[in-house]
Amino acid sequence: MSTRRVAVVTGASSNIGRAIALRLADEGFDLTINSSEPYKLYAIADMIRQKGRKVIIVVGDVSDESVAENIVTQTVRDLGTLDVMVANAGIEYMDSILDRAASAGALSASKFAIRGLTQSAAREYRKYGITVNAYAPGFMDTPVLGMFNGNLSDHIQVAARRSTVQRIGQPNDIANIVSFLASDKSASITGQAVQV
């Protein structure tokens, strides 16, 4: 019986998604990687192949349902199965709640919705042996930091002081969580949102 496993990582072109895809390749996963930035995906795919893993690229915006369906269809067709789905793609807005309908308020509301959806999906899919978990990145060292107004180093210092670990998060911190949740070691964990 083959122990080969297959994962999908959306938003895999940079930062957290890139770190997750490369970590899962290190863990022995073949991968489907996705984003709207094909040239970045080609470079990441080359790194995955150098690790001896198979990889396919599906370019597109996963907010389009047909793109999401295509990711699953191509993964199963070309890689034979789908064991782990990492819905990492996202956007970030830092405008005032009064300035834009997709503002920080809307972003916060969507993050709370993800927690509820995670718990509901975990209950619904447990009968199939499927676990559903989420990760909730806090203040992370990614280009999103450039969206903050004011002195960036001040924001970083304040965030680090507020953090239990006294530093801001790194993409590999998220990759570590996903690696664990994608492993057999987390088989009894479902419906959880891990704050990182």
N, C-alpha and C. Protein backbone atom coordinates (compact mmCIF):
# COMPACT_ATOMS: atom_id res chain seq x y z
N MET A 1 0.84 -1.18 0.00
CA MET A 1 0.00 0.00 0.00
C MET A 1 0.88 1.24 0.00
N SER A 2 0.59 2.18 -0.90
CA SER A 2 1.39 3.40 -1.02
C SER A 2 1.12 4.35 0.13
N THR A 3 2.18 4.97 0.62
CA THR A 3 2.01 5.98 1.66
C THR A 3 2.11 7.39 1.08
N ARG A 4 2.18 7.49 -0.24
CA ARG A 4 2.25 8.80 -0.89
C ARG A 4 1.00 9.60 -0.57
N ARG A 5 1.19 10.86 -0.20
CA ARG A 5 0.06 11.72 0.11
C ARG A 5 0.11 12.96 -0.76
N VAL A 6 -1.05 13.57 -0.96
CA VAL A 6 -1.18 14.72 -1.84
C VAL A 6 -1.86 15.86 -1.09
N ALA A 7 -1.31 17.05 -1.25
CA ALA A 7 -1.89 18.24 -0.63
C ALA A 7 -2.09 19.33 -1.66
N VAL A 8 -3.08 20.17 -1.40
CA VAL A 8 -3.32 21.39 -2.17
C VAL A 8 -3.02 22.56 -1.26
N VAL A 9 -2.28 23.55 -1.78
CA VAL A 9 -2.04 24.78 -1.04
C VAL A 9 -2.45 25.95 -1.93
N THR A 10 -3.49 26.66 -1.53
CA THR A 10 -3.88 27.87 -2.26
C THR A 10 -3.08 29.05 -1.72
N GLY A 11 -2.96 30.09 -2.52
CA GLY A 11 -2.16 31.23 -2.10
C GLY A 11 -0.71 30.86 -1.87
N ALA A 12 -0.19 29.98 -2.71
CA ALA A 12 1.13 29.40 -2.48
C ALA A 12 2.28 30.19 -3.09
N SER A 13 2.00 31.35 -3.69
CA SER A 13 3.05 32.04 -4.44
C SER A 13 4.05 32.78 -3.57
N SER A 14 3.73 33.05 -2.32
CA SER A 14 4.69 33.79 -1.49
C SER A 14 4.38 33.64 -0.01
N ASN A 15 5.34 34.02 0.79
CA ASN A 15 5.20 34.13 2.24
C ASN A 15 4.69 32.85 2.90
N ILE A 16 3.54 32.93 3.56
CA ILE A 16 3.03 31.80 4.32
C ILE A 16 2.73 30.61 3.42
N GLY A 17 2.06 30.84 2.30
CA GLY A 17 1.72 29.74 1.40
C GLY A 17 2.95 29.04 0.85
N ARG A 18 3.95 29.82 0.50
CA ARG A 18 5.21 29.25 0.01
C ARG A 18 5.86 28.38 1.08
N ALA A 19 5.91 28.90 2.32
CA ALA A 19 6.51 28.14 3.42
C ALA A 19 5.76 26.84 3.68
N ILE A 20 4.43 26.90 3.60
CA ILE A 20 3.61 25.69 3.81
C ILE A 20 3.89 24.67 2.71
N ALA A 21 3.86 25.12 1.46
CA ALA A 21 4.08 24.19 0.33
C ALA A 21 5.44 23.51 0.43
N LEU A 22 6.47 24.27 0.72
CA LEU A 22 7.81 23.69 0.82
C LEU A 22 7.93 22.74 2.01
N ARG A 23 7.31 23.07 3.13
CA ARG A 23 7.35 22.18 4.30
C ARG A 23 6.62 20.88 4.00
N LEU A 24 5.45 20.95 3.37
CA LEU A 24 4.73 19.72 3.04
C LEU A 24 5.51 18.87 2.05
N ALA A 25 6.21 19.49 1.12
CA ALA A 25 7.08 18.73 0.21
C ALA A 25 8.17 18.02 1.01
N ASP A 26 8.75 18.71 1.99
CA ASP A 26 9.75 18.08 2.86
C ASP A 26 9.17 16.90 3.63
N GLU A 27 7.87 16.99 3.95
CA GLU A 27 7.19 15.92 4.70
C GLU A 27 6.76 14.77 3.79
N GLY A 28 7.04 14.87 2.47
CA GLY A 28 6.74 13.78 1.56
C GLY A 28 5.46 13.93 0.76
N PHE A 29 4.84 15.08 0.80
CA PHE A 29 3.62 15.30 0.03
C PHE A 29 3.94 15.67 -1.41
N ASP A 30 3.16 15.14 -2.36
CA ASP A 30 3.08 15.71 -3.68
C ASP A 30 2.07 16.85 -3.58
N LEU A 31 2.18 17.84 -4.46
CA LEU A 31 1.41 19.06 -4.25
C LEU A 31 0.74 19.60 -5.50
N THR A 32 -0.40 20.24 -5.27
CA THR A 32 -0.98 21.19 -6.20
C THR A 32 -0.83 22.54 -5.55
N ILE A 33 -0.20 23.49 -6.27
CA ILE A 33 -0.06 24.83 -5.73
C ILE A 33 -0.85 25.80 -6.59
N ASN A 34 -1.41 26.80 -5.94
CA ASN A 34 -2.30 27.74 -6.62
C ASN A 34 -2.03 29.16 -6.16
N SER A 35 -2.18 30.08 -7.09
CA SER A 35 -2.31 31.51 -6.81
C SER A 35 -2.64 32.18 -8.12
N SER A 36 -2.76 33.50 -8.09
CA SER A 36 -2.99 34.27 -9.31
C SER A 36 -1.68 34.78 -9.91
N GLU A 37 -0.56 34.35 -9.35
CA GLU A 37 0.76 34.81 -9.80
C GLU A 37 1.56 33.64 -10.37
N PRO A 38 1.38 33.32 -11.66
CA PRO A 38 1.99 32.11 -12.22
C PRO A 38 3.51 32.09 -12.16
N TYR A 39 4.18 33.22 -12.40
CA TYR A 39 5.65 33.18 -12.45
C TYR A 39 6.25 32.83 -11.10
N LYS A 40 5.64 33.29 -10.02
CA LYS A 40 6.12 32.90 -8.69
C LYS A 40 5.88 31.41 -8.46
N LEU A 41 4.74 30.91 -8.94
CA LEU A 41 4.44 29.48 -8.76
C LEU A 41 5.43 28.60 -9.50
N TYR A 42 5.88 29.02 -10.68
CA TYR A 42 6.85 28.22 -11.42
C TYR A 42 8.13 28.02 -10.62
N ALA A 43 8.60 29.08 -9.98
CA ALA A 43 9.82 28.98 -9.18
C ALA A 43 9.63 28.05 -7.99
N ILE A 44 8.47 28.15 -7.34
CA ILE A 44 8.19 27.28 -6.18
C ILE A 44 8.04 25.83 -6.63
N ALA A 45 7.40 25.63 -7.78
CA ALA A 45 7.26 24.27 -8.31
C ALA A 45 8.63 23.65 -8.56
N ASP A 46 9.56 24.43 -9.09
CA ASP A 46 10.92 23.91 -9.30
C ASP A 46 11.56 23.48 -7.99
N MET A 47 11.37 24.26 -6.93
CA MET A 47 11.93 23.89 -5.62
C MET A 47 11.30 22.60 -5.10
N ILE A 48 10.00 22.43 -5.33
CA ILE A 48 9.31 21.22 -4.89
C ILE A 48 9.83 20.01 -5.65
N ARG A 49 10.03 20.16 -6.96
CA ARG A 49 10.56 19.05 -7.77
C ARG A 49 11.97 18.67 -7.33
N GLN A 50 12.77 19.68 -6.95
CA GLN A 50 14.12 19.40 -6.47
C GLN A 50 14.11 18.57 -5.19
N LYS A 51 13.00 18.61 -4.47
CA LYS A 51 12.85 17.80 -3.26
C LYS A 51 12.36 16.38 -3.60
N GLY A 52 12.19 16.11 -4.90
CA GLY A 52 11.77 14.78 -5.34
C GLY A 52 10.27 14.56 -5.30
N ARG A 53 9.50 15.63 -5.25
CA ARG A 53 8.05 15.51 -5.17
C ARG A 53 7.41 15.92 -6.49
N LYS A 54 6.24 15.39 -6.76
CA LYS A 54 5.46 15.80 -7.92
C LYS A 54 4.70 17.08 -7.56
N VAL A 55 4.48 17.93 -8.57
CA VAL A 55 3.74 19.17 -8.33
C VAL A 55 3.01 19.58 -9.59
N ILE A 56 1.79 20.07 -9.40
CA ILE A 56 1.07 20.70 -10.50
C ILE A 56 0.69 22.11 -10.07
N ILE A 57 0.53 22.96 -11.06
CA ILE A 57 0.18 24.37 -10.84
C ILE A 57 -1.21 24.61 -11.40
N VAL A 58 -2.06 25.27 -10.61
CA VAL A 58 -3.36 25.73 -11.09
C VAL A 58 -3.42 27.22 -10.80
N VAL A 59 -3.41 28.01 -11.85
CA VAL A 59 -3.43 29.47 -11.70
C VAL A 59 -4.87 29.95 -11.64
N GLY A 60 -5.14 30.87 -10.74
CA GLY A 60 -6.47 31.48 -10.68
C GLY A 60 -6.82 31.95 -9.29
N ASP A 61 -7.89 32.72 -9.22
CA ASP A 61 -8.40 33.29 -7.99
C ASP A 61 -9.43 32.34 -7.39
N VAL A 62 -9.15 31.78 -6.22
CA VAL A 62 -10.04 30.78 -5.63
C VAL A 62 -11.36 31.36 -5.14
N SER A 63 -11.52 32.67 -5.20
CA SER A 63 -12.85 33.22 -4.89
C SER A 63 -13.82 32.94 -6.04
N ASP A 64 -13.29 32.51 -7.17
CA ASP A 64 -14.09 32.04 -8.31
C ASP A 64 -14.32 30.54 -8.11
N GLU A 65 -15.55 30.16 -7.90
CA GLU A 65 -15.87 28.76 -7.59
C GLU A 65 -15.36 27.79 -8.64
N SER A 66 -15.38 28.19 -9.92
CA SER A 66 -14.91 27.29 -10.97
C SER A 66 -13.41 27.02 -10.83
N VAL A 67 -12.64 28.00 -10.34
CA VAL A 67 -11.20 27.79 -10.11
C VAL A 67 -11.02 26.78 -8.98
N ALA A 68 -11.77 26.95 -7.90
CA ALA A 68 -11.67 26.02 -6.76
C ALA A 68 -12.02 24.60 -7.20
N GLU A 69 -13.08 24.45 -7.98
CA GLU A 69 -13.46 23.12 -8.47
C GLU A 69 -12.37 22.54 -9.37
N ASN A 70 -11.78 23.39 -10.21
CA ASN A 70 -10.73 22.94 -11.11
C ASN A 70 -9.51 22.45 -10.34
N ILE A 71 -9.19 23.10 -9.24
CA ILE A 71 -8.05 22.68 -8.42
C ILE A 71 -8.25 21.23 -7.95
N VAL A 72 -9.43 20.95 -7.43
CA VAL A 72 -9.72 19.59 -6.94
C VAL A 72 -9.70 18.59 -8.08
N THR A 73 -10.37 18.94 -9.19
CA THR A 73 -10.44 18.03 -10.34
C THR A 73 -9.06 17.71 -10.89
N GLN A 74 -8.22 18.73 -11.10
CA GLN A 74 -6.88 18.49 -11.64
C GLN A 74 -6.00 17.72 -10.67
N THR A 75 -6.16 18.00 -9.38
CA THR A 75 -5.35 17.29 -8.38
C THR A 75 -5.63 15.80 -8.41
N VAL A 76 -6.91 15.45 -8.36
CA VAL A 76 -7.28 14.02 -8.36
C VAL A 76 -6.91 13.37 -9.68
N ARG A 77 -7.12 14.08 -10.79
CA ARG A 77 -6.80 13.51 -12.11
C ARG A 77 -5.30 13.30 -12.27
N ASP A 78 -4.49 14.29 -11.90
CA ASP A 78 -3.06 14.22 -12.19
C ASP A 78 -2.22 13.60 -11.08
N LEU A 79 -2.69 13.69 -9.84
CA LEU A 79 -1.91 13.15 -8.72
C LEU A 79 -2.58 11.95 -8.04
N GLY A 80 -3.82 11.65 -8.44
CA GLY A 80 -4.45 10.40 -8.01
C GLY A 80 -5.28 10.45 -6.75
N THR A 81 -5.13 11.47 -5.94
CA THR A 81 -5.88 11.55 -4.68
C THR A 81 -5.79 12.97 -4.15
N LEU A 82 -6.47 13.24 -3.07
CA LEU A 82 -6.35 14.52 -2.36
C LEU A 82 -6.54 14.23 -0.87
N ASP A 83 -5.45 14.40 -0.11
CA ASP A 83 -5.46 14.07 1.31
C ASP A 83 -5.57 15.29 2.22
N VAL A 84 -4.96 16.39 1.81
CA VAL A 84 -4.90 17.59 2.65
C VAL A 84 -5.19 18.81 1.78
N MET A 85 -6.12 19.64 2.26
CA MET A 85 -6.44 20.90 1.58
C MET A 85 -6.07 22.04 2.51
N VAL A 86 -5.18 22.93 2.06
CA VAL A 86 -4.78 24.09 2.84
C VAL A 86 -5.32 25.33 2.13
N ALA A 87 -6.41 25.88 2.67
CA ALA A 87 -7.03 27.08 2.10
C ALA A 87 -6.32 28.29 2.67
N ASN A 88 -5.20 28.64 2.06
CA ASN A 88 -4.33 29.69 2.58
C ASN A 88 -4.55 31.04 1.90
N ALA A 89 -5.11 31.06 0.71
CA ALA A 89 -5.24 32.32 -0.04
C ALA A 89 -6.06 33.32 0.75
N GLY A 90 -5.64 34.56 0.68
CA GLY A 90 -6.38 35.62 1.38
C GLY A 90 -5.95 36.98 0.91
N ILE A 91 -6.70 37.98 1.35
CA ILE A 91 -6.37 39.37 1.05
C ILE A 91 -6.40 40.14 2.36
N GLU A 92 -5.82 41.31 2.33
CA GLU A 92 -5.71 42.11 3.55
C GLU A 92 -6.06 43.55 3.23
N TYR A 93 -6.99 44.10 3.99
CA TYR A 93 -7.32 45.52 3.90
C TYR A 93 -7.14 46.15 5.26
N MET A 94 -6.64 47.35 5.29
CA MET A 94 -6.42 48.04 6.56
C MET A 94 -7.15 49.38 6.61
N ASP A 95 -8.14 49.60 5.73
CA ASP A 95 -8.88 50.85 5.73
C ASP A 95 -9.83 50.91 6.93
N SER A 96 -10.32 52.10 7.18
CA SER A 96 -11.31 52.29 8.24
C SER A 96 -12.60 51.58 7.87
N ILE A 97 -13.34 51.18 8.86
CA ILE A 97 -14.63 50.53 8.63
C ILE A 97 -15.59 51.46 7.90
N LEU A 98 -15.37 52.77 7.98
CA LEU A 98 -16.22 53.74 7.31
C LEU A 98 -15.80 54.00 5.87
N ASP A 99 -14.57 53.64 5.51
CA ASP A 99 -14.03 53.98 4.20
C ASP A 99 -14.29 52.95 3.11
N ARG A 100 -14.43 51.71 3.45
CA ARG A 100 -14.52 50.67 2.42
C ARG A 100 -15.33 49.50 2.96
N ALA A 101 -16.20 48.92 2.06
CA ALA A 101 -17.00 47.76 2.46
C ALA A 101 -16.06 46.57 2.77
N ALA A 102 -14.83 46.40 2.11
CA ALA A 102 -13.94 45.29 2.43
C ALA A 102 -12.86 45.75 3.39
N SER A 103 -13.24 46.48 4.47
CA SER A 103 -12.33 47.15 5.41
C SER A 103 -11.81 46.17 6.45
N ALA A 104 -11.05 46.69 7.45
CA ALA A 104 -10.55 45.86 8.54
C ALA A 104 -11.71 45.23 9.30
N GLY A 105 -12.83 45.96 9.41
CA GLY A 105 -14.01 45.39 10.07
C GLY A 105 -14.55 44.18 9.33
N ALA A 106 -14.64 44.30 8.00
CA ALA A 106 -15.11 43.18 7.19
C ALA A 106 -14.13 42.02 7.27
N LEU A 107 -12.84 42.34 7.26
CA LEU A 107 -11.81 41.30 7.38
C LEU A 107 -11.95 40.57 8.71
N SER A 108 -12.12 41.33 9.79
CA SER A 108 -12.27 40.71 11.11
C SER A 108 -13.50 39.82 11.17
N ALA A 109 -14.61 40.30 10.60
CA ALA A 109 -15.83 39.51 10.58
C ALA A 109 -15.62 38.20 9.83
N SER A 110 -14.88 38.26 8.71
CA SER A 110 -14.63 37.04 7.93
C SER A 110 -13.78 36.05 8.72
N LYS A 111 -12.84 36.56 9.52
CA LYS A 111 -11.99 35.67 10.32
C LYS A 111 -12.82 34.94 11.38
N PHE A 112 -13.76 35.66 12.00
CA PHE A 112 -14.65 35.00 12.97
C PHE A 112 -15.53 33.97 12.27
N ALA A 113 -15.96 34.29 11.04
CA ALA A 113 -16.78 33.35 10.28
C ALA A 113 -16.02 32.07 9.99
N ILE A 114 -14.73 32.18 9.71
CA ILE A 114 -13.91 31.00 9.43
C ILE A 114 -13.91 30.06 10.64
N ARG A 115 -13.83 30.61 11.84
CA ARG A 115 -13.85 29.77 13.04
C ARG A 115 -15.15 28.98 13.14
N GLY A 116 -16.27 29.66 12.90
CA GLY A 116 -17.56 28.97 12.95
C GLY A 116 -17.69 27.94 11.85
N LEU A 117 -17.24 28.28 10.65
CA LEU A 117 -17.29 27.34 9.54
C LEU A 117 -16.42 26.12 9.81
N THR A 118 -15.26 26.33 10.41
CA THR A 118 -14.36 25.24 10.76
C THR A 118 -15.04 24.27 11.71
N GLN A 119 -15.71 24.80 12.74
CA GLN A 119 -16.39 23.93 13.71
C GLN A 119 -17.55 23.18 13.07
N SER A 120 -18.32 23.88 12.21
CA SER A 120 -19.45 23.22 11.54
C SER A 120 -18.98 22.13 10.59
N ALA A 121 -17.95 22.44 9.80
CA ALA A 121 -17.43 21.45 8.85
C ALA A 121 -16.84 20.25 9.58
N ALA A 122 -16.18 20.49 10.70
CA ALA A 122 -15.61 19.38 11.48
C ALA A 122 -16.71 18.42 11.94
N ARG A 123 -17.81 18.96 12.40
CA ARG A 123 -18.93 18.11 12.84
C ARG A 123 -19.56 17.37 11.66
N GLU A 124 -19.71 18.07 10.54
CA GLU A 124 -20.37 17.47 9.39
C GLU A 124 -19.54 16.37 8.74
N TYR A 125 -18.22 16.56 8.67
CA TYR A 125 -17.36 15.63 7.95
C TYR A 125 -16.70 14.57 8.82
N ARG A 126 -16.91 14.61 10.12
CA ARG A 126 -16.27 13.62 10.99
C ARG A 126 -16.69 12.20 10.65
N LYS A 127 -17.93 12.04 10.16
CA LYS A 127 -18.40 10.69 9.81
C LYS A 127 -17.62 10.07 8.66
N TYR A 128 -16.90 10.91 7.91
CA TYR A 128 -16.07 10.43 6.81
C TYR A 128 -14.60 10.29 7.21
N GLY A 129 -14.30 10.55 8.46
CA GLY A 129 -12.92 10.49 8.92
C GLY A 129 -12.10 11.71 8.51
N ILE A 130 -12.78 12.80 8.18
CA ILE A 130 -12.11 14.03 7.75
C ILE A 130 -12.04 15.00 8.93
N THR A 131 -10.84 15.50 9.20
CA THR A 131 -10.68 16.52 10.23
C THR A 131 -10.60 17.89 9.55
N VAL A 132 -11.11 18.90 10.24
CA VAL A 132 -11.12 20.26 9.71
C VAL A 132 -10.61 21.19 10.80
N ASN A 133 -9.52 21.86 10.52
CA ASN A 133 -8.93 22.79 11.47
C ASN A 133 -8.52 24.07 10.75
N ALA A 134 -8.26 25.11 11.52
CA ALA A 134 -7.84 26.39 10.94
C ALA A 134 -6.64 26.92 11.70
N TYR A 135 -5.87 27.76 11.04
CA TYR A 135 -4.82 28.49 11.74
C TYR A 135 -5.16 29.97 11.61
N ALA A 136 -4.85 30.71 12.65
CA ALA A 136 -5.18 32.13 12.71
C ALA A 136 -3.90 32.93 12.92
N PRO A 137 -3.29 33.37 11.82
CA PRO A 137 -2.03 34.11 11.97
C PRO A 137 -2.26 35.44 12.67
N GLY A 138 -1.40 35.74 13.59
CA GLY A 138 -1.41 37.06 14.22
C GLY A 138 -0.56 38.00 13.39
N PHE A 139 0.18 38.85 14.04
CA PHE A 139 1.05 39.83 13.39
C PHE A 139 2.23 39.07 12.80
N MET A 140 2.28 38.98 11.47
CA MET A 140 3.27 38.15 10.79
C MET A 140 4.27 39.00 10.01
N ASP A 141 5.49 38.51 9.90
CA ASP A 141 6.55 39.17 9.16
C ASP A 141 6.39 38.86 7.67
N THR A 142 5.45 39.57 7.04
CA THR A 142 5.18 39.44 5.61
C THR A 142 5.03 40.84 5.03
N PRO A 143 4.98 40.98 3.70
CA PRO A 143 4.83 42.30 3.09
C PRO A 143 3.56 43.04 3.49
N VAL A 144 2.59 42.35 4.07
CA VAL A 144 1.38 43.02 4.55
C VAL A 144 1.73 44.09 5.58
N LEU A 145 2.84 43.91 6.27
CA LEU A 145 3.26 44.90 7.26
C LEU A 145 3.41 46.28 6.63
N GLY A 146 3.73 46.32 5.34
CA GLY A 146 3.89 47.60 4.66
C GLY A 146 2.60 48.39 4.52
N MET A 147 1.46 47.76 4.81
CA MET A 147 0.17 48.45 4.72
C MET A 147 -0.12 49.30 5.95
N PHE A 148 0.64 49.09 7.02
CA PHE A 148 0.38 49.85 8.24
C PHE A 148 0.84 51.29 8.08
N ASN A 149 0.04 52.22 8.60
CA ASN A 149 0.42 53.62 8.60
C ASN A 149 1.39 53.88 9.74
N GLY A 150 2.27 54.85 9.54
CA GLY A 150 3.20 55.22 10.60
C GLY A 150 4.50 54.46 10.50
N ASN A 151 5.26 54.48 11.58
CA ASN A 151 6.57 53.87 11.64
C ASN A 151 6.44 52.35 11.80
N LEU A 152 6.86 51.62 10.78
CA LEU A 152 6.71 50.16 10.79
C LEU A 152 7.46 49.53 11.95
N SER A 153 8.66 50.00 12.24
CA SER A 153 9.42 49.40 13.34
C SER A 153 8.71 49.58 14.68
N ASP A 154 7.96 50.70 14.84
CA ASP A 154 7.18 50.89 16.06
C ASP A 154 6.08 49.84 16.17
N HIS A 155 5.39 49.60 15.04
CA HIS A 155 4.33 48.58 15.02
C HIS A 155 4.90 47.20 15.38
N ILE A 156 6.05 46.88 14.80
CA ILE A 156 6.67 45.57 15.06
C ILE A 156 7.06 45.44 16.53
N GLN A 157 7.65 46.48 17.09
CA GLN A 157 8.05 46.43 18.50
C GLN A 157 6.86 46.26 19.43
N VAL A 158 5.76 46.99 19.15
CA VAL A 158 4.56 46.87 19.98
C VAL A 158 3.98 45.46 19.86
N ALA A 159 3.90 44.95 18.64
CA ALA A 159 3.36 43.59 18.44
C ALA A 159 4.23 42.55 19.13
N ALA A 160 5.54 42.70 19.05
CA ALA A 160 6.44 41.74 19.70
C ALA A 160 6.28 41.78 21.21
N ARG A 161 6.12 42.97 21.79
CA ARG A 161 5.93 43.07 23.23
C ARG A 161 4.62 42.42 23.69
N ARG A 162 3.59 42.52 22.85
CA ARG A 162 2.29 41.94 23.19
C ARG A 162 2.27 40.42 23.02
N SER A 163 3.16 39.91 22.22
CA SER A 163 3.20 38.48 21.92
C SER A 163 3.75 37.69 23.10
N THR A 164 3.18 36.54 23.33
CA THR A 164 3.66 35.66 24.39
C THR A 164 5.10 35.24 24.16
N VAL A 165 5.48 35.07 22.89
CA VAL A 165 6.84 34.64 22.56
C VAL A 165 7.79 35.80 22.31
N GLN A 166 7.31 37.02 22.49
CA GLN A 166 8.12 38.24 22.41
C GLN A 166 8.74 38.49 21.03
N ARG A 167 8.03 38.09 19.98
CA ARG A 167 8.46 38.37 18.61
C ARG A 167 7.24 38.26 17.71
N ILE A 168 7.37 38.83 16.50
CA ILE A 168 6.27 38.66 15.54
C ILE A 168 6.43 37.32 14.84
N GLY A 169 5.34 36.84 14.28
CA GLY A 169 5.35 35.53 13.64
C GLY A 169 6.10 35.51 12.32
N GLN A 170 6.59 34.33 11.97
CA GLN A 170 7.29 34.09 10.72
C GLN A 170 6.48 33.07 9.89
N PRO A 171 6.58 33.12 8.56
CA PRO A 171 5.85 32.15 7.75
C PRO A 171 6.10 30.70 8.17
N ASN A 172 7.32 30.36 8.58
CA ASN A 172 7.60 28.98 9.00
C ASN A 172 6.87 28.58 10.27
N ASP A 173 6.45 29.56 11.10
CA ASP A 173 5.63 29.24 12.27
C ASP A 173 4.31 28.63 11.82
N ILE A 174 3.72 29.19 10.78
CA ILE A 174 2.47 28.65 10.23
C ILE A 174 2.73 27.30 9.57
N ALA A 175 3.83 27.19 8.83
CA ALA A 175 4.17 25.92 8.17
C ALA A 175 4.32 24.81 9.20
N ASN A 176 4.86 25.12 10.37
CA ASN A 176 4.99 24.11 11.43
C ASN A 176 3.63 23.61 11.88
N ILE A 177 2.69 24.53 12.07
CA ILE A 177 1.33 24.14 12.50
C ILE A 177 0.66 23.29 11.43
N VAL A 178 0.75 23.73 10.18
CA VAL A 178 0.11 22.97 9.09
C VAL A 178 0.74 21.59 8.96
N SER A 179 2.04 21.51 9.09
CA SER A 179 2.73 20.22 9.03
C SER A 179 2.18 19.27 10.08
N PHE A 180 2.01 19.77 11.28
CA PHE A 180 1.45 18.94 12.36
C PHE A 180 0.01 18.54 12.06
N LEU A 181 -0.82 19.51 11.65
CA LEU A 181 -2.23 19.22 11.39
C LEU A 181 -2.42 18.28 10.20
N ALA A 182 -1.46 18.27 9.27
CA ALA A 182 -1.53 17.37 8.11
C ALA A 182 -0.99 15.98 8.41
N SER A 183 -0.44 15.79 9.60
CA SER A 183 0.17 14.51 9.96
C SER A 183 -0.80 13.62 10.73
N ASP A 184 -0.45 12.35 10.83
CA ASP A 184 -1.26 11.41 11.62
C ASP A 184 -1.26 11.76 13.10
N LYS A 185 -0.27 12.53 13.55
CA LYS A 185 -0.19 12.90 14.96
C LYS A 185 -1.36 13.75 15.41
N SER A 186 -2.05 14.39 14.46
CA SER A 186 -3.17 15.27 14.82
C SER A 186 -4.52 14.62 14.54
N ALA A 187 -4.54 13.30 14.39
CA ALA A 187 -5.76 12.60 13.96
C ALA A 187 -6.96 12.85 14.87
N SER A 188 -6.75 13.16 16.14
CA SER A 188 -7.87 13.37 17.06
C SER A 188 -8.20 14.85 17.25
N ILE A 189 -7.58 15.72 16.48
CA ILE A 189 -7.81 17.16 16.60
C ILE A 189 -8.68 17.61 15.42
N THR A 190 -9.84 18.19 15.76
CA THR A 190 -10.72 18.69 14.70
C THR A 190 -11.58 19.81 15.27
N GLY A 191 -12.00 20.71 14.38
CA GLY A 191 -12.84 21.82 14.79
C GLY A 191 -12.10 22.91 15.54
N GLN A 192 -10.79 22.93 15.44
CA GLN A 192 -9.98 23.88 16.21
C GLN A 192 -9.44 25.00 15.32
N ALA A 193 -9.28 26.17 15.90
CA ALA A 193 -8.61 27.29 15.24
C ALA A 193 -7.39 27.62 16.08
N VAL A 194 -6.21 27.35 15.55
CA VAL A 194 -4.96 27.54 16.30
C VAL A 194 -4.45 28.96 16.06
N GLN A 195 -4.36 29.72 17.13
CA GLN A 195 -3.82 31.08 17.05
C GLN A 195 -2.31 31.01 17.02
N VAL A 196 -1.70 31.64 16.01
CA VAL A 196 -0.25 31.62 15.87
C VAL A 196 0.26 33.05 15.97
